[in-house]
């Protein structure tokens, strides 16, 4: 579940970003995609307020983290919605 912590992109990340990702992963655990989207949007707004943004490499890691927790049906929904959700 926390394999992402070993990812080079995660390990190079600002510690504040790491904490935000860990919090998000914990919060999204076992949530349906319909429950996860409002949480993700709130998290995104908090990141913006704190002046944090992600590099392209970090965005790829975020996508991997979220996809790993989804069922195949949820992944399909996520892929459809992904263009509308920029971290």
PDB file of N, CA and C in Angstrom:
ATOM      1  N   UNK A   1       0.819  -1.201   0.000  1.00  0.00           N
ATOM      2  CA  UNK A   1       0.000   0.000   0.000  1.00  0.00           C
ATOM      3  C   UNK A   1       0.859   1.259   0.000  1.00  0.00           C
ATOM      4  N   UNK A   2       1.934   1.258   0.738  1.00  0.00           N
ATOM      5  CA  UNK A   2       2.795   2.442   0.816  1.00  0.00           C
ATOM      6  C   UNK A   2       4.063   2.282  -0.008  1.00  0.00           C
ATOM      7  N   UNK A   3       3.994   1.466  -1.065  1.00  0.00           N
ATOM      8  CA  UNK A   3       5.157   1.262  -1.923  1.00  0.00           C
ATOM      9  C   UNK A   3       5.615   2.572  -2.550  1.00  0.00           C
ATOM     10  N   UNK A   4       4.678   3.487  -2.717  1.00  0.00           N
ATOM     11  CA  UNK A   4       5.007   4.773  -3.351  1.00  0.00           C
ATOM     12  C   UNK A   4       6.070   5.532  -2.574  1.00  0.00           C
ATOM     13  N   UNK A   5       6.197   5.260  -1.287  1.00  0.00           N
ATOM     14  CA  UNK A   5       7.202   5.954  -0.476  1.00  0.00           C
ATOM     15  C   UNK A   5       8.621   5.595  -0.894  1.00  0.00           C
ATOM     16  N   UNK A   6       8.769   4.464  -1.581  1.00  0.00           N
ATOM     17  CA  UNK A   6      10.085   4.030  -2.049  1.00  0.00           C
ATOM     18  C   UNK A   6      10.399   4.587  -3.437  1.00  0.00           C
ATOM     19  N   UNK A   7       9.414   5.157  -4.087  1.00  0.00           N
ATOM     20  CA  UNK A   7       9.581   5.688  -5.450  1.00  0.00           C
ATOM     21  C   UNK A   7      10.559   6.862  -5.419  1.00  0.00           C
ATOM     22  N   UNK A   8      11.508   6.910  -6.360  1.00  0.00           N
ATOM     23  CA  UNK A   8      12.491   8.008  -6.389  1.00  0.00           C
ATOM     24  C   UNK A   8      11.839   9.397  -6.454  1.00  0.00           C
ATOM     25  N   UNK A   9      10.743   9.518  -7.183  1.00  0.00           N
ATOM     26  CA  UNK A   9      10.062  10.819  -7.273  1.00  0.00           C
ATOM     27  C   UNK A   9       9.542  11.257  -5.907  1.00  0.00           C
ATOM     28  N   UNK A  10       9.034  10.308  -5.144  1.00  0.00           N
ATOM     29  CA  UNK A  10       8.523  10.633  -3.812  1.00  0.00           C
ATOM     30  C   UNK A  10       9.675  10.998  -2.880  1.00  0.00           C
ATOM     31  N   UNK A  11      10.742  10.252  -2.950  1.00  0.00           N
ATOM     32  CA  UNK A  11      11.861  10.490  -2.050  1.00  0.00           C
ATOM     33  C   UNK A  11      12.558  11.823  -2.317  1.00  0.00           C
ATOM     34  N   UNK A  12      12.494  12.320  -3.549  1.00  0.00           N
ATOM     35  CA  UNK A  12      13.110  13.610  -3.886  1.00  0.00           C
ATOM     36  C   UNK A  12      12.192  14.787  -3.560  1.00  0.00           C
ATOM     37  N   UNK A  13      10.956  14.493  -3.243  1.00  0.00           N
ATOM     38  CA  UNK A  13       9.950  15.527  -3.038  1.00  0.00           C
ATOM     39  C   UNK A  13      10.170  16.332  -1.767  1.00  0.00           C
ATOM     40  N   UNK A  14       9.701  17.554  -1.815  1.00  0.00           N
ATOM     41  CA  UNK A  14       9.659  18.421  -0.646  1.00  0.00           C
ATOM     42  C   UNK A  14       8.899  17.675   0.468  1.00  0.00           C
ATOM     43  N   UNK A  15       9.410  17.672   1.706  1.00  0.00           N
ATOM     44  CA  UNK A  15       8.745  16.965   2.800  1.00  0.00           C
ATOM     45  C   UNK A  15       7.284  17.400   3.014  1.00  0.00           C
ATOM     46  N   UNK A  16       6.991  18.646   2.731  1.00  0.00           N
ATOM     47  CA  UNK A  16       5.611  19.123   2.870  1.00  0.00           C
ATOM     48  C   UNK A  16       4.700  18.423   1.852  1.00  0.00           C
ATOM     49  N   UNK A  17       5.186  18.259   0.634  1.00  0.00           N
ATOM     50  CA  UNK A  17       4.427  17.546  -0.393  1.00  0.00           C
ATOM     51  C   UNK A  17       4.252  16.084   0.003  1.00  0.00           C
ATOM     52  N   UNK A  18       5.314  15.488   0.532  1.00  0.00           N
ATOM     53  CA  UNK A  18       5.230  14.097   0.962  1.00  0.00           C
ATOM     54  C   UNK A  18       4.119  13.920   2.001  1.00  0.00           C
ATOM     55  N   UNK A  19       4.079  14.815   2.974  1.00  0.00           N
ATOM     56  CA  UNK A  19       3.060  14.740   4.028  1.00  0.00           C
ATOM     57  C   UNK A  19       1.657  14.876   3.442  1.00  0.00           C
ATOM     58  N   UNK A  20       1.501  15.809   2.497  1.00  0.00           N
ATOM     59  CA  UNK A  20       0.194  16.021   1.875  1.00  0.00           C
ATOM     60  C   UNK A  20      -0.249  14.766   1.112  1.00  0.00           C
ATOM     61  N   UNK A  21       0.671  14.115   0.424  1.00  0.00           N
ATOM     62  CA  UNK A  21       0.335  12.892  -0.310  1.00  0.00           C
ATOM     63  C   UNK A  21      -0.028  11.777   0.658  1.00  0.00           C
ATOM     64  N   UNK A  22       0.753  11.629   1.719  1.00  0.00           N
ATOM     65  CA  UNK A  22       0.460  10.596   2.708  1.00  0.00           C
ATOM     66  C   UNK A  22      -0.923  10.818   3.325  1.00  0.00           C
ATOM     67  N   UNK A  23      -1.251  12.058   3.619  1.00  0.00           N
ATOM     68  CA  UNK A  23      -2.559  12.383   4.182  1.00  0.00           C
ATOM     69  C   UNK A  23      -3.667  12.050   3.186  1.00  0.00           C
ATOM     70  N   UNK A  24      -3.454  12.401   1.943  1.00  0.00           N
ATOM     71  CA  UNK A  24      -4.464  12.121   0.918  1.00  0.00           C
ATOM     72  C   UNK A  24      -4.661  10.618   0.743  1.00  0.00           C
ATOM     73  N   UNK A  25      -3.583   9.866   0.671  1.00  0.00           N
ATOM     74  CA  UNK A  25      -3.675   8.414   0.498  1.00  0.00           C
ATOM     75  C   UNK A  25      -4.449   7.805   1.664  1.00  0.00           C
ATOM     76  N   UNK A  26      -4.146   8.242   2.854  1.00  0.00           N
ATOM     77  CA  UNK A  26      -4.843   7.741   4.045  1.00  0.00           C
ATOM     78  C   UNK A  26      -6.335   8.092   3.981  1.00  0.00           C
ATOM     79  N   UNK A  27      -6.645   9.303   3.575  1.00  0.00           N
ATOM     80  CA  UNK A  27      -8.025   9.768   3.507  1.00  0.00           C
ATOM     81  C   UNK A  27      -8.815   9.044   2.420  1.00  0.00           C
ATOM     82  N   UNK A  28      -8.186   8.748   1.295  1.00  0.00           N
ATOM     83  CA  UNK A  28      -8.879   8.119   0.171  1.00  0.00           C
ATOM     84  C   UNK A  28      -9.009   6.606   0.301  1.00  0.00           C
ATOM     85  N   UNK A  29      -8.333   6.025   1.255  1.00  0.00           N
ATOM     86  CA  UNK A  29      -8.336   4.576   1.418  1.00  0.00           C
ATOM     87  C   UNK A  29      -9.772   4.051   1.526  1.00  0.00           C
ATOM     88  N   UNK A  30     -10.105   3.084   0.678  1.00  0.00           N
ATOM     89  CA  UNK A  30     -11.414   2.416   0.655  1.00  0.00           C
ATOM     90  C   UNK A  30     -12.586   3.328   0.289  1.00  0.00           C
ATOM     91  N   UNK A  31     -12.318   4.417  -0.383  1.00  0.00           N
ATOM     92  CA  UNK A  31     -13.386   5.315  -0.827  1.00  0.00           C
ATOM     93  C   UNK A  31     -13.781   4.975  -2.263  1.00  0.00           C
ATOM     94  N   UNK A  32     -15.059   5.126  -2.561  1.00  0.00           N
ATOM     95  CA  UNK A  32     -15.528   4.992  -3.935  1.00  0.00           C
ATOM     96  C   UNK A  32     -15.091   6.239  -4.680  1.00  0.00           C
ATOM     97  N   UNK A  33     -15.048   6.161  -6.004  1.00  0.00           N
ATOM     98  CA  UNK A  33     -14.581   7.306  -6.785  1.00  0.00           C
ATOM     99  C   UNK A  33     -15.486   8.518  -6.569  1.00  0.00           C
ATOM    100  N   UNK A  34     -16.770   8.280  -6.378  1.00  0.00           N
ATOM    101  CA  UNK A  34     -17.689   9.399  -6.141  1.00  0.00           C
ATOM    102  C   UNK A  34     -17.417  10.074  -4.796  1.00  0.00           C
ATOM    103  N   UNK A  35     -16.912   9.321  -3.854  1.00  0.00           N
ATOM    104  CA  UNK A  35     -16.526   9.887  -2.557  1.00  0.00           C
ATOM    105  C   UNK A  35     -15.148  10.536  -2.642  1.00  0.00           C
ATOM    106  N   UNK A  36     -14.292   9.975  -3.476  1.00  0.00           N
ATOM    107  CA  UNK A  36     -12.916  10.439  -3.563  1.00  0.00           C
ATOM    108  C   UNK A  36     -12.776  11.782  -4.274  1.00  0.00           C
ATOM    109  N   UNK A  37     -13.591  12.023  -5.288  1.00  0.00           N
ATOM    110  CA  UNK A  37     -13.445  13.252  -6.064  1.00  0.00           C
ATOM    111  C   UNK A  37     -13.597  14.520  -5.232  1.00  0.00           C
ATOM    112  N   UNK A  38     -14.623  14.640  -4.373  1.00  0.00           N
ATOM    113  CA  UNK A  38     -14.698  15.856  -3.552  1.00  0.00           C
ATOM    114  C   UNK A  38     -13.500  16.004  -2.608  1.00  0.00           C
ATOM    115  N   UNK A  39     -13.014  14.890  -2.100  1.00  0.00           N
ATOM    116  CA  UNK A  39     -11.845  14.908  -1.213  1.00  0.00           C
ATOM    117  C   UNK A  39     -10.628  15.386  -1.996  1.00  0.00           C
ATOM    118  N   UNK A  40     -10.478  14.872  -3.200  1.00  0.00           N
ATOM    119  CA  UNK A  40      -9.354  15.253  -4.054  1.00  0.00           C
ATOM    120  C   UNK A  40      -9.408  16.736  -4.408  1.00  0.00           C
ATOM    121  N   UNK A  41     -10.590  17.241  -4.693  1.00  0.00           N
ATOM    122  CA  UNK A  41     -10.733  18.650  -5.038  1.00  0.00           C
ATOM    123  C   UNK A  41     -10.409  19.542  -3.834  1.00  0.00           C
ATOM    124  N   UNK A  42     -10.838  19.148  -2.653  1.00  0.00           N
ATOM    125  CA  UNK A  42     -10.528  19.903  -1.437  1.00  0.00           C
ATOM    126  C   UNK A  42      -9.018  19.885  -1.190  1.00  0.00           C
ATOM    127  N   UNK A  43      -8.408  18.727  -1.376  1.00  0.00           N
ATOM    128  CA  UNK A  43      -6.965  18.577  -1.188  1.00  0.00           C
ATOM    129  C   UNK A  43      -6.215  19.458  -2.167  1.00  0.00           C
ATOM    130  N   UNK A  44      -6.691  19.469  -3.417  1.00  0.00           N
ATOM    131  CA  UNK A  44      -6.077  20.291  -4.452  1.00  0.00           C
ATOM    132  C   UNK A  44      -6.134  21.769  -4.066  1.00  0.00           C
ATOM    133  N   UNK A  45      -7.247  22.210  -3.522  1.00  0.00           N
ATOM    134  CA  UNK A  45      -7.395  23.608  -3.093  1.00  0.00           C
ATOM    135  C   UNK A  45      -6.440  23.917  -1.934  1.00  0.00           C
ATOM    136  N   UNK A  46      -6.295  22.977  -1.020  1.00  0.00           N
ATOM    137  CA  UNK A  46      -5.364  23.165   0.100  1.00  0.00           C
ATOM    138  C   UNK A  46      -3.926  23.284  -0.407  1.00  0.00           C
ATOM    139  N   UNK A  47      -3.572  22.465  -1.399  1.00  0.00           N
ATOM    140  CA  UNK A  47      -2.234  22.537  -1.984  1.00  0.00           C
ATOM    141  C   UNK A  47      -2.011  23.924  -2.588  1.00  0.00           C
ATOM    142  N   UNK A  48      -3.016  24.415  -3.281  1.00  0.00           N
ATOM    143  CA  UNK A  48      -2.932  25.730  -3.919  1.00  0.00           C
ATOM    144  C   UNK A  48      -2.751  26.826  -2.867  1.00  0.00           C
ATOM    145  N   UNK A  49      -3.505  26.740  -1.779  1.00  0.00           N
ATOM    146  CA  UNK A  49      -3.403  27.732  -0.711  1.00  0.00           C
ATOM    147  C   UNK A  49      -2.024  27.736  -0.072  1.00  0.00           C
ATOM    148  N   UNK A  50      -1.397  26.584  -0.028  1.00  0.00           N
ATOM    149  CA  UNK A  50      -0.068  26.478   0.569  1.00  0.00           C
ATOM    150  C   UNK A  50       1.043  26.744  -0.440  1.00  0.00           C
ATOM    151  N   UNK A  51       0.648  27.049  -1.680  1.00  0.00           N
ATOM    152  CA  UNK A  51       1.632  27.367  -2.707  1.00  0.00           C
ATOM    153  C   UNK A  51       2.423  26.165  -3.195  1.00  0.00           C
ATOM    154  N   UNK A  52       1.843  24.988  -3.081  1.00  0.00           N
ATOM    155  CA  UNK A  52       2.532  23.770  -3.502  1.00  0.00           C
ATOM    156  C   UNK A  52       1.980  23.302  -4.844  1.00  0.00           C
ATOM    157  N   UNK A  53       2.858  22.881  -5.715  1.00  0.00           N
ATOM    158  CA  UNK A  53       2.450  22.298  -6.986  1.00  0.00           C
ATOM    159  C   UNK A  53       3.384  21.138  -7.295  1.00  0.00           C
ATOM    160  N   UNK A  54       3.005  20.348  -8.272  1.00  0.00           N
ATOM    161  CA  UNK A  54       3.765  19.150  -8.592  1.00  0.00           C
ATOM    162  C   UNK A  54       4.401  19.244  -9.966  1.00  0.00           C
ATOM    163  N   UNK A  55       5.574  18.638 -10.077  1.00  0.00           N
ATOM    164  CA  UNK A  55       6.243  18.538 -11.369  1.00  0.00           C
ATOM    165  C   UNK A  55       5.535  17.454 -12.186  1.00  0.00           C
ATOM    166  N   UNK A  56       5.869  17.358 -13.455  1.00  0.00           N
ATOM    167  CA  UNK A  56       5.285  16.324 -14.308  1.00  0.00           C
ATOM    168  C   UNK A  56       5.597  14.928 -13.756  1.00  0.00           C
ATOM    169  N   UNK A  57       6.827  14.736 -13.300  1.00  0.00           N
ATOM    170  CA  UNK A  57       7.245  13.445 -12.726  1.00  0.00           C
ATOM    171  C   UNK A  57       6.430  13.127 -11.468  1.00  0.00           C
ATOM    172  N   UNK A  58       6.210  14.135 -10.632  1.00  0.00           N
ATOM    173  CA  UNK A  58       5.421  13.937  -9.411  1.00  0.00           C
ATOM    174  C   UNK A  58       3.959  13.651  -9.744  1.00  0.00           C
ATOM    175  N   UNK A  59       3.439  14.306 -10.780  1.00  0.00           N
ATOM    176  CA  UNK A  59       2.065  14.045 -11.218  1.00  0.00           C
ATOM    177  C   UNK A  59       1.887  12.600 -11.674  1.00  0.00           C
ATOM    178  N   UNK A  60       2.884  12.069 -12.358  1.00  0.00           N
ATOM    179  CA  UNK A  60       2.830  10.667 -12.790  1.00  0.00           C
ATOM    180  C   UNK A  60       2.767   9.751 -11.576  1.00  0.00           C
ATOM    181  N   UNK A  61       3.554  10.062 -10.550  1.00  0.00           N
ATOM    182  CA  UNK A  61       3.543   9.273  -9.325  1.00  0.00           C
ATOM    183  C   UNK A  61       2.167   9.347  -8.665  1.00  0.00           C
ATOM    184  N   UNK A  62       1.584  10.526  -8.596  1.00  0.00           N
ATOM    185  CA  UNK A  62       0.248  10.676  -8.005  1.00  0.00           C
ATOM    186  C   UNK A  62      -0.766   9.801  -8.740  1.00  0.00           C
ATOM    187  N   UNK A  63      -0.695   9.801 -10.058  1.00  0.00           N
ATOM    188  CA  UNK A  63      -1.609   8.977 -10.843  1.00  0.00           C
ATOM    189  C   UNK A  63      -1.406   7.499 -10.521  1.00  0.00           C
ATOM    190  N   UNK A  64      -0.166   7.078 -10.400  1.00  0.00           N
ATOM    191  CA  UNK A  64       0.131   5.686 -10.044  1.00  0.00           C
ATOM    192  C   UNK A  64      -0.448   5.337  -8.678  1.00  0.00           C
ATOM    193  N   UNK A  65      -0.274   6.236  -7.716  1.00  0.00           N
ATOM    194  CA  UNK A  65      -0.765   6.001  -6.355  1.00  0.00           C
ATOM    195  C   UNK A  65      -2.274   5.828  -6.373  1.00  0.00           C
ATOM    196  N   UNK A  66      -2.976   6.745  -7.029  1.00  0.00           N
ATOM    197  CA  UNK A  66      -4.426   6.682  -7.033  1.00  0.00           C
ATOM    198  C   UNK A  66      -4.938   5.473  -7.800  1.00  0.00           C
ATOM    199  N   UNK A  67      -4.316   5.179  -8.934  1.00  0.00           N
ATOM    200  CA  UNK A  67      -4.743   4.050  -9.754  1.00  0.00           C
ATOM    201  C   UNK A  67      -4.566   2.726  -9.025  1.00  0.00           C
ATOM    202  N   UNK A  68      -3.522   2.614  -8.246  1.00  0.00           N
ATOM    203  CA  UNK A  68      -3.244   1.368  -7.528  1.00  0.00           C
ATOM    204  C   UNK A  68      -4.332   1.035  -6.514  1.00  0.00           C
ATOM    205  N   UNK A  69      -5.047   2.035  -6.043  1.00  0.00           N
ATOM    206  CA  UNK A  69      -6.081   1.815  -5.034  1.00  0.00           C
ATOM    207  C   UNK A  69      -7.468   1.584  -5.631  1.00  0.00           C
ATOM    208  N   UNK A  70      -7.578   1.668  -6.952  1.00  0.00           N
ATOM    209  CA  UNK A  70      -8.880   1.595  -7.610  1.00  0.00           C
ATOM    210  C   UNK A  70      -9.167   0.218  -8.187  1.00  0.00           C
ATOM    211  N   UNK A  71     -10.464  -0.069  -8.269  1.00  0.00           N
ATOM    212  CA  UNK A  71     -10.909  -1.261  -8.988  1.00  0.00           C
ATOM    213  C   UNK A  71     -10.813  -0.955 -10.481  1.00  0.00           C
ATOM    214  N   UNK A  72     -10.888  -1.968 -11.337  1.00  0.00           N
ATOM    215  CA  UNK A  72     -10.863  -1.700 -12.777  1.00  0.00           C
ATOM    216  C   UNK A  72     -11.965  -0.715 -13.223  1.00  0.00           C
ATOM    217  N   UNK A  73     -13.150  -0.833 -12.676  1.00  0.00           N
ATOM    218  CA  UNK A  73     -14.244   0.079 -13.038  1.00  0.00           C
ATOM    219  C   UNK A  73     -13.923   1.510 -12.591  1.00  0.00           C
ATOM    220  N   UNK A  74     -13.345   1.637 -11.409  1.00  0.00           N
ATOM    221  CA  UNK A  74     -12.975   2.962 -10.916  1.00  0.00           C
ATOM    222  C   UNK A  74     -11.861   3.561 -11.767  1.00  0.00           C
ATOM    223  N   UNK A  75     -10.912   2.725 -12.202  1.00  0.00           N
ATOM    224  CA  UNK A  75      -9.832   3.210 -13.065  1.00  0.00           C
ATOM    225  C   UNK A  75     -10.395   3.765 -14.375  1.00  0.00           C
ATOM    226  N   UNK A  76     -11.388   3.077 -14.903  1.00  0.00           N
ATOM    227  CA  UNK A  76     -12.019   3.524 -16.147  1.00  0.00           C
ATOM    228  C   UNK A  76     -12.676   4.895 -15.928  1.00  0.00           C
ATOM    229  N   UNK A  77     -13.381   5.043 -14.821  1.00  0.00           N
ATOM    230  CA  UNK A  77     -13.994   6.329 -14.498  1.00  0.00           C
ATOM    231  C   UNK A  77     -12.927   7.398 -14.316  1.00  0.00           C
ATOM    232  N   UNK A  78     -11.868   7.055 -13.615  1.00  0.00           N
ATOM    233  CA  UNK A  78     -10.782   8.001 -13.356  1.00  0.00           C
ATOM    234  C   UNK A  78     -10.133   8.447 -14.668  1.00  0.00           C
ATOM    235  N   UNK A  79      -9.882   7.517 -15.562  1.00  0.00           N
ATOM    236  CA  UNK A  79      -9.267   7.851 -16.843  1.00  0.00           C
ATOM    237  C   UNK A  79     -10.141   8.832 -17.622  1.00  0.00           C
ATOM    238  N   UNK A  80     -11.454   8.660 -17.509  1.00  0.00           N
ATOM    239  CA  UNK A  80     -12.369   9.585 -18.171  1.00  0.00           C
ATOM    240  C   UNK A  80     -12.299  10.975 -17.543  1.00  0.00           C
ATOM    241  N   UNK A  81     -12.183  11.028 -16.216  1.00  0.00           N
ATOM    242  CA  UNK A  81     -12.200  12.293 -15.494  1.00  0.00           C
ATOM    243  C   UNK A  81     -10.824  12.958 -15.397  1.00  0.00           C
ATOM    244  N   UNK A  82      -9.774  12.194 -15.588  1.00  0.00           N
ATOM    245  CA  UNK A  82      -8.409  12.698 -15.395  1.00  0.00           C
ATOM    246  C   UNK A  82      -8.103  14.008 -16.119  1.00  0.00           C
ATOM    247  N   UNK A  83      -8.555  14.212 -17.352  1.00  0.00           N
ATOM    248  CA  UNK A  83      -8.237  15.493 -18.012  1.00  0.00           C
ATOM    249  C   UNK A  83      -8.802  16.713 -17.270  1.00  0.00           C
ATOM    250  N   UNK A  84      -9.817  16.492 -16.470  1.00  0.00           N
ATOM    251  CA  UNK A  84     -10.450  17.579 -15.737  1.00  0.00           C
ATOM    252  C   UNK A  84      -9.812  17.824 -14.373  1.00  0.00           C
ATOM    253  N   UNK A  85      -8.961  16.890 -13.953  1.00  0.00           N
ATOM    254  CA  UNK A  85      -8.333  16.970 -12.630  1.00  0.00           C
ATOM    255  C   UNK A  85      -6.837  17.135 -12.795  1.00  0.00           C
ATOM    256  N   UNK A  86      -6.359  18.328 -12.638  1.00  0.00           N
ATOM    257  CA  UNK A  86      -4.913  18.579 -12.682  1.00  0.00           C
ATOM    258  C   UNK A  86      -4.466  18.811 -11.248  1.00  0.00           C
ATOM    259  N   UNK A  87      -3.401  18.121 -10.850  1.00  0.00           N
ATOM    260  CA  UNK A  87      -2.909  18.277  -9.492  1.00  0.00           C
ATOM    261  C   UNK A  87      -2.136  19.538  -9.458  1.00  0.00           C
TER     262      UNK A  87
END
